[in-house]
Structure formats: C-alpha cells, structure tokens
Amino acid sequence: MDVVAEDTQQNAKGDKGKKGSFWRELPVLVVVALVLALLIKSFVVQAFYIPSESMENTLLKNDRVLVNKLVYRVRDIERGDVVVFSGVDSWGGEVEYEEPSNPIAGFFRWVGTAFGVVPGEKDYIKRVIGVPGDTVKCCDAKGRVTVNGTPLNEEAYLYPGDVPSISNFEIVVPDDRLWVMGDHRAVSLDSRAHGGDPGGGTIPIEQVIGRAFVIVWPFDRATVLPIPETFDQPALHAAQAAAGAAPLLLGFTLAFPLVALRRRIWVRR
C-alpha cells in the first residue's frame, strides 16, 4: 500500500510538471506559429477578404480567397486571371474605412489584414482582360468587349443582367501594365473608371500581389477559380504570339540591308 501511494504521488507531481511546462511553452509556440504564418503570407500564400460587390457573382462580399504569390515567378500573368493588386499611390479605395483610433487598434487591424480577416484599404481584386500589347475595346456590334479584335463571351462570369460595359473605350495596353475589370461591371470601379490616371486606367504589373486561385470561406462556397474558356480562344494566343514575334521580324528586316552594306564596303576595300 505504501508503494502504491508513493507511485500515485509521484505521478500526480509529474502530471503537474507537464501541465506547467506546457503553459510556459505556450507563448513561445504562439510566437513561432505567428512568425511562420507571416513568412508564408509574405512569400507563398496569403488570404484576402472580399470587401465589395465588384466581383459578384464570382466572388461575394465577405468571401475569403487564397492568393498564390509565387505563380508569377514561373509564368506570365494571363488574360482571365483573377489578381489581387495594390492601389497605393494610384487608385483610391472602393470601400472607405475609418483609421484606427489608437496604436493597439492599428496593430490588430494590421494582423487582421495580414491573415485575411479584414480587408486591406488599398488592395483590389479584379479580372485581367488585357496584357501588355493588347488592344482592348468596347463595344463591338453585339456589345461585346474585344481583345485584339477577338470578342469575349463573358456569360460564364459576368454578373447576371450586366452588360460588358455601359461606356465605350479603346486602349492599347502599355508595356508592364494590365487592363483589369470587375465581373460585376455595373458597380466595379475598374480600369474604365481610371482613364484619366497615368497609364490610362491600366495597372502596373509590379503592383500585382498574386493570383486568387481558390475560395476558402465560407465553406459552402469553397471552389477553385479557373481561367474561363473564352480566354482560350486560339485567335487571342495567335495575336499575342504575333506581337511577341514582331521585334524579331523587325530585327531580321533591318539585318539584311546592314549585311548587304557591309559586303559592299568589303568589296570596295
């Protein structure tokens, strides 16, 4: 009996020691978890909160999406991608927010923004319609947006009842910039609303944070965000390939007379 009692007392002390050790280590675990989460958020994947109706019905207000921040290191931005970008020093916010009243509130807002719990004041989410070199125009005889003369069938993602655009526009997308539009065209303050800004409403590629690839909240709306089929039209890719080949063709065109001139000079010598 004495031995059993002694073992019981030792086990009780051991359990208390383990519990005490856990509570002492908990703050360290929390800090490590936060640091790892911030590293992942900064370089790999980040959650974003949808603050407005501008991308309905693809994305609804209060949805949360995950944004891949590495994808554009291995491929170019493509037409049809849903991208998150920063509007700092360019576009004004679509939704106005009050500044935090004190540093503590500001800190918690920063944490909430970092983890997609609250929206960023100057972060936008739109669909890429035109990439560098594209001629984006609206509207053709059937009221459609065209890219390099190829009409887009936008029924798959355009908000029900919306027309592609109530305003006419035409722009050649400059180098290193993108033309972006919301799927809910009637309420989206997208490239069309910034025609007087530098770049004619286009956004700098360097401001793109990443590609939104999946809805993660609410769970009943969880789904991937693929590129719509209309952007797979061969005519779009042919136009892009021709644009990419133009400098090479120009180089060959200029090379022939230079080679001929060099031969003439050589013969005279």
Protein backbone atom coordinates (compact mmCIF):
# COMPACT_ATOMS: atom_id res chain seq x y z
CA MET A 1 0.00 0.00 0.00
CA ASP A 2 2.82 2.37 0.81
CA VAL A 3 4.42 1.70 -2.58
CA VAL A 4 1.18 2.31 -4.44
CA ALA A 5 0.58 5.56 -2.56
CA GLU A 6 4.12 6.73 -3.30
CA ASP A 7 3.75 5.94 -7.02
CA THR A 8 0.44 7.83 -7.11
CA GLN A 9 2.00 10.88 -5.51
CA GLN A 10 4.93 10.81 -7.95
CA ASN A 11 2.56 10.51 -10.94
CA ALA A 12 0.50 13.44 -9.67
CA LYS A 13 3.63 15.57 -9.35
CA GLY A 14 4.73 14.51 -12.85
CA ASP A 15 1.37 15.47 -14.34
CA LYS A 16 1.52 18.89 -12.68
CA GLY A 17 5.04 19.38 -14.01
CA LYS A 18 3.96 18.54 -17.55
CA LYS A 19 1.00 20.93 -17.35
CA GLY A 20 3.21 23.69 -16.00
CA SER A 21 5.76 23.10 -18.74
CA PHE A 22 3.02 23.31 -21.39
CA TRP A 23 1.76 26.69 -20.15
CA ARG A 24 5.32 28.01 -20.00
CA GLU A 25 5.97 26.90 -23.61
CA LEU A 26 2.62 28.09 -24.98
CA PRO A 27 3.70 31.74 -25.55
CA VAL A 28 6.76 30.53 -27.45
CA LEU A 29 4.63 28.23 -29.60
CA VAL A 30 2.23 31.10 -30.36
CA VAL A 31 5.09 33.42 -31.37
CA VAL A 32 6.70 30.73 -33.57
CA ALA A 33 3.34 29.99 -35.22
CA LEU A 34 2.78 33.70 -35.93
CA VAL A 35 6.26 34.13 -37.39
CA LEU A 36 5.84 31.08 -39.66
CA ALA A 37 2.39 32.28 -40.73
CA LEU A 38 3.74 35.74 -41.58
CA LEU A 39 6.60 34.22 -43.59
CA ILE A 40 4.14 32.09 -45.55
CA LYS A 41 1.88 35.12 -46.01
CA SER A 42 4.77 37.28 -47.21
CA PHE A 43 6.26 34.87 -49.75
CA VAL A 44 3.91 31.98 -50.60
CA VAL A 45 0.16 32.22 -49.98
CA GLN A 46 -1.96 34.95 -48.43
CA ALA A 47 -5.64 35.09 -47.51
CA PHE A 48 -7.66 38.09 -48.68
CA TYR A 49 -11.06 39.37 -47.61
CA ILE A 50 -13.52 40.49 -50.30
CA PRO A 51 -14.89 43.89 -49.21
CA SER A 52 -17.23 44.83 -52.07
CA GLU A 53 -19.64 43.55 -54.72
CA SER A 54 -17.35 44.37 -57.66
CA MET A 55 -16.53 40.72 -58.47
CA GLU A 56 -20.00 39.21 -57.99
CA ASN A 57 -21.08 36.53 -58.59
CA THR A 58 -17.63 35.00 -58.93
CA LEU A 59 -16.74 36.41 -55.51
CA LEU A 60 -19.27 37.63 -52.97
CA LYS A 61 -18.79 40.28 -50.32
CA ASN A 62 -17.19 38.76 -47.19
CA ASP A 63 -15.70 35.80 -49.09
CA ARG A 64 -12.12 34.85 -48.29
CA VAL A 65 -9.74 33.77 -51.05
CA LEU A 66 -6.22 32.40 -51.09
CA VAL A 67 -3.72 34.20 -53.29
CA ASN A 68 -0.71 32.44 -54.81
CA LYS A 69 2.26 34.83 -54.57
CA LEU A 70 4.74 32.53 -56.35
CA VAL A 71 2.89 31.66 -59.55
CA TYR A 72 4.07 34.71 -61.49
CA ARG A 73 7.66 33.81 -60.80
CA VAL A 74 7.24 30.78 -63.07
CA ARG A 75 4.73 32.08 -65.64
CA ASP A 76 3.40 35.35 -67.01
CA ILE A 77 0.09 36.86 -65.94
CA GLU A 78 -2.62 35.57 -68.28
CA ARG A 79 -5.88 37.02 -69.51
CA GLY A 80 -8.70 35.75 -67.32
CA ASP A 81 -6.61 35.51 -64.15
CA VAL A 82 -8.24 36.95 -61.03
CA VAL A 83 -5.49 39.01 -59.42
CA VAL A 84 -5.03 40.96 -56.21
CA PHE A 85 -3.01 44.14 -56.57
CA SER A 86 -2.09 47.17 -54.53
CA GLY A 87 -3.60 50.53 -55.38
CA VAL A 88 -1.20 52.51 -53.18
CA ASP A 89 -0.31 55.85 -54.78
CA SER A 90 -2.72 55.22 -57.65
CA TRP A 91 -6.32 54.09 -57.28
CA GLY A 92 -8.50 55.27 -54.39
CA GLY A 93 -10.25 52.64 -52.31
CA GLU A 94 -13.59 51.23 -53.47
CA VAL A 95 -14.64 50.97 -49.83
CA GLU A 96 -13.81 53.64 -47.25
CA TYR A 97 -12.56 52.64 -43.78
CA GLU A 98 -12.01 54.67 -40.65
CA GLU A 99 -8.45 54.96 -39.43
CA PRO A 100 -7.77 53.00 -36.18
CA SER A 101 -8.24 55.23 -33.16
CA ASN A 102 -5.07 54.11 -31.37
CA PRO A 103 -1.86 52.11 -31.96
CA ILE A 104 -3.29 48.94 -30.41
CA ALA A 105 -6.32 49.01 -32.69
CA GLY A 106 -3.97 49.72 -35.59
CA PHE A 107 -1.87 46.67 -34.70
CA PHE A 108 -4.89 44.37 -34.58
CA ARG A 109 -6.12 45.77 -37.88
CA TRP A 110 -2.72 45.05 -39.42
CA VAL A 111 -2.83 41.47 -38.11
CA GLY A 112 -6.39 41.06 -39.38
CA THR A 113 -5.41 42.32 -42.82
CA ALA A 114 -2.36 40.06 -42.92
CA PHE A 115 -4.49 36.97 -42.29
CA GLY A 116 -7.46 37.92 -44.45
CA VAL A 117 -9.83 38.59 -41.54
CA VAL A 118 -10.40 42.23 -42.50
CA PRO A 119 -9.94 43.90 -45.91
CA GLY A 120 -6.88 45.88 -46.90
CA GLU A 121 -7.61 49.54 -47.55
CA LYS A 122 -5.74 49.71 -50.85
CA ASP A 123 -5.92 46.12 -52.09
CA TYR A 124 -8.06 45.36 -55.12
CA ILE A 125 -9.21 42.16 -56.76
CA LYS A 126 -10.13 42.19 -60.47
CA ARG A 127 -10.01 40.02 -63.57
CA VAL A 128 -7.23 40.56 -66.11
CA ILE A 129 -8.72 41.35 -69.52
CA GLY A 130 -5.71 42.76 -71.37
CA VAL A 131 -1.98 42.11 -71.07
CA PRO A 132 0.87 44.25 -72.49
CA GLY A 133 0.43 44.94 -76.19
CA ASP A 134 -3.27 44.02 -76.30
CA THR A 135 -5.84 46.33 -77.85
CA VAL A 136 -8.88 46.18 -75.57
CA LYS A 137 -12.05 47.74 -76.96
CA CYS A 138 -15.74 48.03 -76.17
CA CYS A 139 -18.02 47.55 -77.67
CA ASP A 140 -18.42 45.66 -80.96
CA ALA A 141 -21.69 45.48 -82.92
CA LYS A 142 -23.03 42.89 -80.46
CA GLY A 143 -22.00 44.88 -77.38
CA ARG A 144 -19.02 42.67 -76.50
CA VAL A 145 -15.55 43.52 -75.23
CA THR A 146 -12.90 42.61 -77.78
CA VAL A 147 -9.22 41.88 -77.30
CA ASN A 148 -7.11 42.31 -80.43
CA GLY A 149 -10.34 42.18 -82.43
CA THR A 150 -11.47 38.89 -80.85
CA PRO A 151 -14.79 39.15 -78.98
CA LEU A 152 -15.04 37.72 -75.46
CA ASN A 153 -18.02 35.60 -74.46
CA GLU A 154 -18.30 36.67 -70.81
CA GLU A 155 -21.56 35.00 -69.82
CA ALA A 156 -19.75 32.44 -67.67
CA TYR A 157 -18.56 35.04 -65.16
CA LEU A 158 -20.36 38.33 -65.87
CA TYR A 159 -22.92 39.34 -63.24
CA PRO A 160 -26.44 38.35 -64.39
CA GLY A 161 -28.13 41.27 -66.14
CA ASP A 162 -24.91 43.26 -66.58
CA VAL A 163 -23.68 44.34 -70.00
CA PRO A 164 -19.93 44.11 -70.68
CA SER A 165 -19.67 47.90 -70.36
CA ILE A 166 -22.02 50.86 -70.43
CA SER A 167 -19.16 53.10 -71.60
CA ASN A 168 -17.14 52.80 -74.77
CA PHE A 169 -13.36 52.62 -74.61
CA GLU A 170 -10.34 51.55 -76.59
CA ILE A 171 -6.79 51.24 -75.33
CA VAL A 172 -3.52 49.61 -76.26
CA VAL A 173 -2.17 48.20 -73.01
CA PRO A 174 1.31 49.67 -72.38
CA ASP A 175 4.35 47.57 -71.55
CA ASP A 176 4.48 46.23 -68.00
CA ARG A 177 0.82 47.08 -67.36
CA LEU A 178 -2.57 45.33 -67.31
CA TRP A 179 -6.17 46.22 -68.12
CA VAL A 180 -8.44 44.83 -65.38
CA MET A 181 -12.20 44.72 -64.90
CA GLY A 182 -14.61 43.51 -62.24
CA ASP A 183 -17.14 40.78 -63.04
CA HIS A 184 -19.98 42.97 -61.70
CA ARG A 185 -19.45 45.68 -64.30
CA ALA A 186 -22.30 47.92 -63.12
CA VAL A 187 -20.64 48.62 -59.75
CA SER A 188 -16.96 47.93 -60.38
CA LEU A 189 -14.57 50.89 -60.26
CA ASP A 190 -12.06 49.17 -62.51
CA SER A 191 -9.75 50.29 -65.34
CA ARG A 192 -12.67 52.00 -67.07
CA ALA A 193 -13.08 54.39 -64.12
CA HIS A 194 -9.43 55.45 -64.16
CA GLY A 195 -8.97 56.56 -67.75
CA GLY A 196 -7.54 59.90 -66.60
CA ASP A 197 -4.88 58.28 -64.42
CA PRO A 198 -1.31 57.54 -65.59
CA GLY A 199 -1.46 54.50 -67.84
CA GLY A 200 -4.99 55.28 -68.99
CA GLY A 201 -6.57 53.09 -66.33
CA THR A 202 -4.11 50.22 -66.60
CA ILE A 203 -2.26 48.99 -63.51
CA PRO A 204 1.49 48.30 -63.13
CA ILE A 205 2.37 44.61 -63.19
CA GLU A 206 4.79 45.24 -60.34
CA GLN A 207 1.80 46.13 -58.12
CA VAL A 208 0.26 42.67 -58.56
CA ILE A 209 0.43 40.70 -55.31
CA GLY A 210 -0.64 37.37 -56.75
CA ARG A 211 -3.36 35.23 -58.32
CA ALA A 212 -6.53 34.36 -56.41
CA PHE A 213 -6.93 30.64 -57.04
CA VAL A 214 -9.48 29.34 -54.51
CA ILE A 215 -12.35 30.50 -52.28
CA VAL A 216 -11.82 29.11 -48.78
CA TRP A 217 -14.60 30.80 -46.82
CA PRO A 218 -17.47 30.29 -46.33
CA PHE A 219 -17.05 26.54 -46.63
CA ASP A 220 -20.22 26.07 -48.67
CA ARG A 221 -18.73 28.29 -51.38
CA ALA A 222 -15.28 26.71 -51.40
CA THR A 223 -14.15 26.29 -55.01
CA VAL A 224 -11.22 26.90 -57.34
CA LEU A 225 -11.08 29.96 -59.62
CA PRO A 226 -10.11 28.74 -63.10
CA ILE A 227 -9.46 30.84 -66.19
CA PRO A 228 -12.73 30.99 -68.20
CA GLU A 229 -12.77 29.18 -71.55
CA THR A 230 -13.30 32.38 -73.58
CA PHE A 231 -9.67 33.30 -72.88
CA ASP A 232 -8.50 30.04 -74.50
CA GLN A 233 -9.55 31.20 -77.97
CA PRO A 234 -6.72 30.46 -80.45
CA ALA A 235 -7.13 33.90 -82.03
CA LEU A 236 -6.11 35.55 -78.74
CA HIS A 237 -2.95 33.49 -78.45
CA ALA A 238 -2.13 33.95 -82.13
CA ALA A 239 -2.30 37.72 -81.72
CA GLN A 240 -0.06 37.53 -78.66
CA ALA A 241 2.45 35.32 -80.49
CA ALA A 242 2.48 37.72 -83.43
CA ALA A 243 3.12 40.62 -81.09
CA GLY A 244 5.99 38.75 -79.48
CA ALA A 245 7.48 37.86 -82.86
CA ALA A 246 7.28 41.42 -84.22
CA PRO A 247 10.61 42.60 -82.73
CA LEU A 248 12.36 39.52 -84.12
CA LEU A 249 10.92 40.07 -87.60
CA LEU A 250 11.90 43.73 -87.47
CA GLY A 251 15.40 42.70 -86.47
CA PHE A 252 15.74 40.40 -89.49
CA THR A 253 14.30 43.10 -91.77
CA LEU A 254 16.95 45.58 -90.64
CA ALA A 255 19.72 42.98 -90.66
CA PHE A 256 19.58 42.24 -94.40
CA PRO A 257 20.41 45.79 -95.63
CA LEU A 258 23.13 46.11 -92.98
CA VAL A 259 24.75 42.86 -94.17
CA ALA A 260 24.48 44.00 -97.81
CA LEU A 261 26.08 47.35 -96.94
CA ARG A 262 28.91 45.58 -95.13
CA ARG A 263 29.58 43.41 -98.20
CA ARG A 264 29.75 46.47 -100.47
CA ILE A 265 32.25 48.17 -98.17
CA TRP A 266 34.33 44.96 -98.04
CA VAL A 267 34.38 44.64 -101.89
CA ARG A 268 35.50 48.23 -102.33
CA ARG A 269 38.38 47.64 -99.98
